[in-house]
Amino acid sequence: DTAETTLRLSFQEALEGGRKPVELPTGESIRLKIPQGVRDGTKIRLRGRGQADPTGQRGDLYVTFQVGDHPRFRRKGDDIHLTETVGVFEAMFGTERRIPTPYGQRIKLTIPAGTQPGEKLRLKGQGVKTDDGQGDLYVKIDITIPNDLTDAQRETLRTVAEEADLA
């Protein structure tokens, strides 16, 4: 007879894959091979690991992976999305940031001058690694506006904006 079970994985466990001890519905324990980069909802079949029928023949066991969320990264397919907040002047003049990857590295991202709020920058090949390849890392830029300027700073910025025809 076939049987079904769900295996909960953390975001990191799903990215890395590997072997994990699992107790089957039959009560036996095995070390299940988790595919690297497995997606939420993926179902695998373990032949002969299900319940025994009246003749003693064991059916298959279907395991569905349930992958948890991450506080900073969002996964879409094999791509990873995150938001990075920069100041308004950093967006205007351009800057560099060290962006975390889901695998624990930090890579340099150049944020070009004139970057707009909501703009997405792509870091090719920095997404989820699977046996079939690797996705990309998309960084959505959020911009903060200073709210604690002095009157003198406001006046200076107003003058610059008027000279540049921005006010």
C-alpha atoms as a PDB file:
ATOM      1  CA  ASP A   1       0.000   0.000   0.000  1.00  0.00           C
ATOM      2  CA  THR A   2       1.265   3.487  -0.738  1.00  0.00           C
ATOM      3  CA  ALA A   3       1.742   5.981   2.062  1.00  0.00           C
ATOM      4  CA  GLU A   4       2.381   9.713   2.207  1.00  0.00           C
ATOM      5  CA  THR A   5       4.259  11.922   4.627  1.00  0.00           C
ATOM      6  CA  THR A   6       5.505  15.497   4.827  1.00  0.00           C
ATOM      7  CA  LEU A   7       9.050  16.466   5.714  1.00  0.00           C
ATOM      8  CA  ARG A   8       9.556  19.973   7.043  1.00  0.00           C
ATOM      9  CA  LEU A   9      12.824  21.658   6.108  1.00  0.00           C
ATOM     10  CA  SER A  10      14.285  25.005   7.047  1.00  0.00           C
ATOM     11  CA  PHE A  11      15.060  27.418   4.214  1.00  0.00           C
ATOM     12  CA  GLN A  12      18.775  26.606   4.675  1.00  0.00           C
ATOM     13  CA  GLU A  13      18.279  22.811   4.754  1.00  0.00           C
ATOM     14  CA  ALA A  14      16.397  23.021   1.447  1.00  0.00           C
ATOM     15  CA  LEU A  15      19.172  25.104  -0.159  1.00  0.00           C
ATOM     16  CA  GLU A  16      21.972  22.825   0.951  1.00  0.00           C
ATOM     17  CA  GLY A  17      20.301  19.440   0.557  1.00  0.00           C
ATOM     18  CA  GLY A  18      22.140  16.431   1.944  1.00  0.00           C
ATOM     19  CA  ARG A  19      21.047  13.588   4.181  1.00  0.00           C
ATOM     20  CA  LYS A  20      18.590  13.979   7.032  1.00  0.00           C
ATOM     21  CA  PRO A  21      17.360  11.363   9.515  1.00  0.00           C
ATOM     22  CA  VAL A  22      13.642  10.772   9.027  1.00  0.00           C
ATOM     23  CA  GLU A  23      11.190   8.543  10.843  1.00  0.00           C
ATOM     24  CA  LEU A  24       8.848   6.881   8.368  1.00  0.00           C
ATOM     25  CA  PRO A  25       5.143   6.273   9.063  1.00  0.00           C
ATOM     26  CA  THR A  26       6.069   2.587   9.387  1.00  0.00           C
ATOM     27  CA  GLY A  27       8.197   3.485  12.423  1.00  0.00           C
ATOM     28  CA  GLU A  28      11.550   2.774  10.810  1.00  0.00           C
ATOM     29  CA  SER A  29      14.242   5.466  10.613  1.00  0.00           C
ATOM     30  CA  ILE A  30      16.240   6.202   7.476  1.00  0.00           C
ATOM     31  CA  ARG A  31      18.687   8.864   6.304  1.00  0.00           C
ATOM     32  CA  LEU A  32      16.800  10.508   3.450  1.00  0.00           C
ATOM     33  CA  LYS A  33      18.749  12.183   0.633  1.00  0.00           C
ATOM     34  CA  ILE A  34      17.385  15.694   0.184  1.00  0.00           C
ATOM     35  CA  PRO A  35      18.071  17.140  -3.283  1.00  0.00           C
ATOM     36  CA  GLN A  36      20.128  20.346  -3.239  1.00  0.00           C
ATOM     37  CA  GLY A  37      17.855  23.367  -3.735  1.00  0.00           C
ATOM     38  CA  VAL A  38      14.621  21.380  -3.276  1.00  0.00           C
ATOM     39  CA  ARG A  39      11.480  23.504  -3.681  1.00  0.00           C
ATOM     40  CA  ASP A  40       8.519  23.719  -1.344  1.00  0.00           C
ATOM     41  CA  GLY A  41       5.899  21.177  -2.409  1.00  0.00           C
ATOM     42  CA  THR A  42       8.314  18.862  -4.234  1.00  0.00           C
ATOM     43  CA  LYS A  43       7.258  15.225  -3.888  1.00  0.00           C
ATOM     44  CA  ILE A  44       9.597  12.226  -4.138  1.00  0.00           C
ATOM     45  CA  ARG A  45       8.844   8.510  -4.153  1.00  0.00           C
ATOM     46  CA  LEU A  46      10.630   5.956  -2.003  1.00  0.00           C
ATOM     47  CA  ARG A  47       9.994   2.544  -3.524  1.00  0.00           C
ATOM     48  CA  GLY A  48       9.030  -0.209  -1.106  1.00  0.00           C
ATOM     49  CA  ARG A  49       8.982   2.100   1.941  1.00  0.00           C
ATOM     50  CA  GLY A  50       5.199   2.372   2.311  1.00  0.00           C
ATOM     51  CA  GLN A  51       2.762   0.232   4.292  1.00  0.00           C
ATOM     52  CA  ALA A  52       2.611  -3.534   3.747  1.00  0.00           C
ATOM     53  CA  ASP A  53      -0.509  -4.919   2.067  1.00  0.00           C
ATOM     54  CA  PRO A  54      -2.205  -8.137   3.296  1.00  0.00           C
ATOM     55  CA  THR A  55       0.289 -10.232   1.275  1.00  0.00           C
ATOM     56  CA  GLY A  56       3.230  -8.518   2.993  1.00  0.00           C
ATOM     57  CA  GLN A  57       4.305  -6.594  -0.110  1.00  0.00           C
ATOM     58  CA  ARG A  58       5.238  -3.006   0.746  1.00  0.00           C
ATOM     59  CA  GLY A  59       4.029  -0.139  -1.370  1.00  0.00           C
ATOM     60  CA  ASP A  60       5.758   3.144  -2.061  1.00  0.00           C
ATOM     61  CA  LEU A  61       6.116   6.108   0.252  1.00  0.00           C
ATOM     62  CA  TYR A  62       5.624   9.603  -1.141  1.00  0.00           C
ATOM     63  CA  VAL A  63       7.459  12.354   0.738  1.00  0.00           C
ATOM     64  CA  THR A  64       6.414  15.971   0.208  1.00  0.00           C
ATOM     65  CA  PHE A  65       8.931  18.636   1.225  1.00  0.00           C
ATOM     66  CA  GLN A  66       7.590  21.626   3.127  1.00  0.00           C
ATOM     67  CA  VAL A  67      10.183  24.411   3.118  1.00  0.00           C
ATOM     68  CA  GLY A  68      10.126  27.176   5.719  1.00  0.00           C
ATOM     69  CA  ASP A  69      10.525  30.884   5.050  1.00  0.00           C
ATOM     70  CA  HIS A  70      13.596  33.029   5.581  1.00  0.00           C
ATOM     71  CA  PRO A  71      13.442  36.415   7.334  1.00  0.00           C
ATOM     72  CA  ARG A  72      15.334  38.240   4.556  1.00  0.00           C
ATOM     73  CA  PHE A  73      15.276  36.104   1.393  1.00  0.00           C
ATOM     74  CA  ARG A  74      12.235  35.248  -0.724  1.00  0.00           C
ATOM     75  CA  ARG A  75      12.469  32.411  -3.220  1.00  0.00           C
ATOM     76  CA  LYS A  76      10.757  32.436  -6.617  1.00  0.00           C
ATOM     77  CA  GLY A  77      11.698  29.329  -8.560  1.00  0.00           C
ATOM     78  CA  ASP A  78      15.481  29.176  -8.336  1.00  0.00           C
ATOM     79  CA  ASP A  79      15.838  32.945  -7.982  1.00  0.00           C
ATOM     80  CA  ILE A  80      16.261  34.700  -4.649  1.00  0.00           C
ATOM     81  CA  HIS A  81      14.818  38.158  -3.979  1.00  0.00           C
ATOM     82  CA  LEU A  82      15.742  40.593  -1.217  1.00  0.00           C
ATOM     83  CA  THR A  83      15.383  44.299  -0.501  1.00  0.00           C
ATOM     84  CA  GLU A  84      18.298  46.612   0.260  1.00  0.00           C
ATOM     85  CA  THR A  85      17.667  50.073   1.664  1.00  0.00           C
ATOM     86  CA  VAL A  86      19.921  52.967   0.662  1.00  0.00           C
ATOM     87  CA  GLY A  87      19.805  56.665   1.441  1.00  0.00           C
ATOM     88  CA  VAL A  88      18.476  59.143  -1.088  1.00  0.00           C
ATOM     89  CA  PHE A  89      21.951  60.574  -1.726  1.00  0.00           C
ATOM     90  CA  GLU A  90      23.437  57.101  -2.208  1.00  0.00           C
ATOM     91  CA  ALA A  91      20.750  56.478  -4.835  1.00  0.00           C
ATOM     92  CA  MET A  92      21.411  59.838  -6.468  1.00  0.00           C
ATOM     93  CA  PHE A  93      25.215  59.564  -6.583  1.00  0.00           C
ATOM     94  CA  GLY A  94      25.652  55.776  -6.648  1.00  0.00           C
ATOM     95  CA  THR A  95      27.266  53.550  -4.054  1.00  0.00           C
ATOM     96  CA  GLU A  96      28.489  50.034  -3.381  1.00  0.00           C
ATOM     97  CA  ARG A  97      27.045  47.571  -0.897  1.00  0.00           C
ATOM     98  CA  ARG A  98      28.057  44.117   0.283  1.00  0.00           C
ATOM     99  CA  ILE A  99      24.960  41.970  -0.229  1.00  0.00           C
ATOM    100  CA  PRO A 100      24.428  38.665   1.616  1.00  0.00           C
ATOM    101  CA  THR A 101      23.790  35.571  -0.476  1.00  0.00           C
ATOM    102  CA  PRO A 102      21.650  32.666   0.753  1.00  0.00           C
ATOM    103  CA  TYR A 103      24.857  30.613   1.087  1.00  0.00           C
ATOM    104  CA  GLY A 104      26.491  32.942   3.615  1.00  0.00           C
ATOM    105  CA  GLN A 105      28.802  34.932   1.361  1.00  0.00           C
ATOM    106  CA  ARG A 106      28.717  38.694   0.931  1.00  0.00           C
ATOM    107  CA  ILE A 107      29.212  39.988  -2.600  1.00  0.00           C
ATOM    108  CA  LYS A 108      29.743  43.486  -3.915  1.00  0.00           C
ATOM    109  CA  LEU A 109      26.796  45.182  -5.588  1.00  0.00           C
ATOM    110  CA  THR A 110      27.292  48.457  -7.429  1.00  0.00           C
ATOM    111  CA  ILE A 111      24.214  50.652  -7.124  1.00  0.00           C
ATOM    112  CA  PRO A 112      24.485  53.070 -10.047  1.00  0.00           C
ATOM    113  CA  ALA A 113      23.850  56.803  -9.785  1.00  0.00           C
ATOM    114  CA  GLY A 114      20.207  57.623 -10.414  1.00  0.00           C
ATOM    115  CA  THR A 115      18.834  54.328  -9.116  1.00  0.00           C
ATOM    116  CA  GLN A 116      15.082  54.637  -8.604  1.00  0.00           C
ATOM    117  CA  PRO A 117      12.975  53.296  -5.706  1.00  0.00           C
ATOM    118  CA  GLY A 118      11.783  49.773  -6.486  1.00  0.00           C
ATOM    119  CA  GLU A 119      14.436  49.194  -9.149  1.00  0.00           C
ATOM    120  CA  LYS A 120      15.765  45.603  -9.233  1.00  0.00           C
ATOM    121  CA  LEU A 121      19.417  44.798  -9.776  1.00  0.00           C
ATOM    122  CA  ARG A 122      20.448  41.262 -10.746  1.00  0.00           C
ATOM    123  CA  LEU A 123      23.428  39.302  -9.479  1.00  0.00           C
ATOM    124  CA  LYS A 124      23.678  36.498 -12.015  1.00  0.00           C
ATOM    125  CA  GLY A 125      24.275  32.990 -10.703  1.00  0.00           C
ATOM    126  CA  GLN A 126      23.909  33.951  -7.025  1.00  0.00           C
ATOM    127  CA  GLY A 127      20.512  32.302  -6.452  1.00  0.00           C
ATOM    128  CA  VAL A 128      19.554  28.740  -5.549  1.00  0.00           C
ATOM    129  CA  LYS A 129      21.967  25.987  -6.636  1.00  0.00           C
ATOM    130  CA  THR A 130      20.348  22.805  -7.937  1.00  0.00           C
ATOM    131  CA  ASP A 131      21.567  19.833  -9.925  1.00  0.00           C
ATOM    132  CA  ASP A 132      20.211  21.610 -13.026  1.00  0.00           C
ATOM    133  CA  GLY A 133      21.995  24.950 -12.544  1.00  0.00           C
ATOM    134  CA  GLN A 134      21.800  28.097 -10.464  1.00  0.00           C
ATOM    135  CA  GLY A 135      19.289  30.918 -10.228  1.00  0.00           C
ATOM    136  CA  ASP A 136      19.953  34.625  -9.830  1.00  0.00           C
ATOM    137  CA  LEU A 137      19.822  36.986  -6.855  1.00  0.00           C
ATOM    138  CA  TYR A 138      17.586  40.031  -7.371  1.00  0.00           C
ATOM    139  CA  VAL A 139      18.074  43.042  -5.126  1.00  0.00           C
ATOM    140  CA  LYS A 140      15.159  45.465  -4.953  1.00  0.00           C
ATOM    141  CA  ILE A 141      16.310  48.945  -3.966  1.00  0.00           C
ATOM    142  CA  ASP A 142      14.352  50.802  -1.307  1.00  0.00           C
ATOM    143  CA  ILE A 143      15.250  54.429  -0.629  1.00  0.00           C
ATOM    144  CA  THR A 144      15.029  56.267   2.665  1.00  0.00           C
ATOM    145  CA  ILE A 145      14.414  59.989   2.770  1.00  0.00           C
ATOM    146  CA  PRO A 146      16.091  61.853   5.645  1.00  0.00           C
ATOM    147  CA  ASN A 147      13.543  63.320   8.061  1.00  0.00           C
ATOM    148  CA  ASP A 148      15.895  64.943  10.537  1.00  0.00           C
ATOM    149  CA  LEU A 149      17.499  67.700   8.445  1.00  0.00           C
ATOM    150  CA  THR A 150      18.220  71.042  10.044  1.00  0.00           C
ATOM    151  CA  ASP A 151      16.629  74.181   8.618  1.00  0.00           C
ATOM    152  CA  ALA A 152      19.995  75.185   7.137  1.00  0.00           C
ATOM    153  CA  GLN A 153      20.387  71.775   5.438  1.00  0.00           C
ATOM    154  CA  ARG A 154      16.856  71.989   4.032  1.00  0.00           C
ATOM    155  CA  GLU A 155      17.518  75.458   2.668  1.00  0.00           C
ATOM    156  CA  THR A 156      20.788  74.342   1.042  1.00  0.00           C
ATOM    157  CA  LEU A 157      19.053  71.369  -0.593  1.00  0.00           C
ATOM    158  CA  ARG A 158      16.144  73.548  -1.716  1.00  0.00           C
ATOM    159  CA  THR A 159      18.584  75.960  -3.390  1.00  0.00           C
ATOM    160  CA  VAL A 160      20.407  73.095  -5.153  1.00  0.00           C
ATOM    161  CA  ALA A 161      17.098  71.570  -6.283  1.00  0.00           C
ATOM    162  CA  GLU A 162      15.878  74.892  -7.682  1.00  0.00           C
ATOM    163  CA  GLU A 163      19.172  75.438  -9.547  1.00  0.00           C
ATOM    164  CA  ALA A 164      18.828  71.953 -11.067  1.00  0.00           C
ATOM    165  CA  ASP A 165      15.151  72.581 -11.967  1.00  0.00           C
ATOM    166  CA  LEU A 166      14.080  69.812  -9.576  1.00  0.00           C
ATOM    167  CA  ALA A 167      11.924  71.888  -7.237  1.00  0.00           C
END
